[in-house]
Protein backbone atom coordinates (compact mmCIF):
# COMPACT_ATOMS: atom_id res chain seq x y z
CA MET A 1 -100.35 94.94 -61.67
CA ALA A 2 -101.88 96.22 -58.56
CA THR A 3 -99.84 98.47 -56.21
CA PHE A 4 -100.08 98.91 -52.18
CA SER A 5 -97.97 101.89 -51.87
CA HIS A 6 -100.58 103.70 -49.87
CA ALA A 7 -99.99 101.41 -46.78
CA THR A 8 -97.01 103.64 -45.21
CA PRO A 9 -95.57 102.88 -42.00
CA GLU A 10 -97.57 106.05 -40.57
CA ARG A 11 -100.94 104.75 -41.96
CA CYS A 12 -100.15 101.25 -40.49
CA ALA A 13 -99.68 103.10 -36.98
CA GLN A 14 -102.74 105.29 -37.42
CA LEU A 15 -104.83 101.91 -37.76
CA GLY A 16 -103.16 100.63 -34.72
CA ARG A 17 -103.99 103.46 -32.87
CA ALA A 18 -107.73 103.57 -34.35
CA LEU A 19 -108.08 99.90 -33.42
CA THR A 20 -106.84 100.44 -29.80
CA ALA A 21 -108.74 103.62 -29.42
CA ALA A 22 -112.00 101.31 -30.64
CA SER A 23 -111.16 98.95 -27.76
CA LEU A 24 -110.42 96.23 -30.21
CA THR A 25 -108.15 93.39 -29.84
CA TRP A 26 -105.74 93.22 -32.51
CA SER A 27 -102.43 91.97 -34.37
CA ASP A 28 -100.83 92.26 -37.33
CA ASN A 29 -98.69 89.96 -39.43
CA GLY A 30 -95.56 92.03 -39.33
CA GLN A 31 -95.30 92.82 -43.13
CA GLN A 32 -95.43 96.40 -43.19
CA GLY A 33 -92.61 96.47 -45.51
CA ALA A 34 -94.46 94.32 -47.99
CA PRO A 35 -97.92 95.69 -48.05
CA GLN A 36 -99.28 93.38 -50.50
CA PHE A 37 -98.93 90.68 -47.72
CA LEU A 38 -99.98 92.95 -44.95
CA THR A 39 -102.89 91.74 -42.87
CA TYR A 40 -104.32 92.57 -39.57
CA THR A 41 -106.55 90.44 -37.61
CA VAL A 42 -109.11 92.01 -35.14
CA ALA A 43 -111.63 90.15 -32.82
CA ASP A 44 -114.85 92.26 -32.52
CA SER A 45 -116.98 92.09 -28.99
CA HIS A 46 -118.76 89.37 -30.17
CA GLY A 47 -115.84 87.08 -30.75
CA ARG A 48 -116.11 87.35 -34.54
CA THR A 49 -112.60 87.47 -36.61
CA TRP A 50 -112.05 90.30 -38.85
CA ARG A 51 -109.23 90.74 -41.33
CA ILE A 52 -108.10 93.95 -42.40
CA SER A 53 -105.78 94.49 -45.44
CA PRO A 54 -104.87 97.66 -47.43
CA ALA A 55 -106.59 98.34 -50.65
CA THR A 56 -104.95 98.28 -54.03
CA SER A 57 -104.10 101.58 -55.70
CA PHE A 58 -107.08 100.56 -58.12
CA GLN A 59 -109.55 100.63 -55.18
CA ILE A 60 -108.43 104.03 -53.74
CA SER A 61 -110.51 107.02 -54.72
CA PRO A 62 -108.19 110.02 -55.69
CA SER A 63 -110.76 112.18 -53.90
CA ALA A 64 -110.42 110.14 -50.46
CA PRO A 65 -106.67 109.35 -50.38
CA GLY A 66 -106.66 108.41 -46.61
CA GLN A 67 -109.28 105.80 -47.22
CA ILE A 68 -106.95 102.71 -47.69
CA TRP A 69 -108.40 99.71 -45.58
CA GLN A 70 -110.87 97.24 -46.21
CA ALA A 71 -111.92 94.61 -43.86
CA SER A 72 -113.76 91.45 -43.97
CA CYS A 73 -115.61 89.06 -41.77
CA PRO A 74 -116.05 85.43 -42.68
CA GLY A 75 -118.72 84.99 -39.78
CA LEU A 76 -120.67 87.89 -41.18
CA MET A 77 -119.91 87.07 -44.74
CA THR A 78 -119.31 90.64 -45.42
CA THR A 79 -116.61 93.17 -46.60
CA THR A 80 -116.58 96.74 -46.02
CA PRO A 81 -115.89 99.21 -48.57
CA VAL A 82 -112.39 101.08 -48.40
CA LEU A 83 -112.27 103.02 -45.52
CA SER A 84 -110.07 105.31 -43.40
CA ALA A 85 -108.39 103.66 -40.18
CA ARG A 86 -110.89 105.43 -37.82
CA GLN A 87 -113.91 104.28 -39.99
CA VAL A 88 -112.67 100.66 -40.17
CA ALA A 89 -112.04 100.46 -36.60
CA GLU A 90 -115.57 102.05 -35.78
CA HIS A 91 -117.11 99.76 -38.33
CA ILE A 92 -115.80 96.46 -36.50
CA ARG A 93 -116.52 98.04 -33.18
CA ASP A 94 -120.22 98.60 -34.14
CA ALA A 95 -120.92 95.56 -36.11
CA ALA A 96 -123.86 94.09 -34.85
């Protein structure tokens, strides 16, 4: 069974700060206590909606333990690799 223990309250706060610093409008579904159900909804500058969720422990590389977030955008039919909070925010901000 996949685990999501990497989505700690501090890492959730880091993601929120990174999204805000990237000037993105975002919200979460309030499920920080149950990371398997945790999602963030982000609007990019083109009005597209992105969904960010924590990666499972199987997706997280031991050599990059801070890279725990994955974003997808149905409008672009894309999913990012597993990234850090700053990287995922920058990716969404810079998406063409």
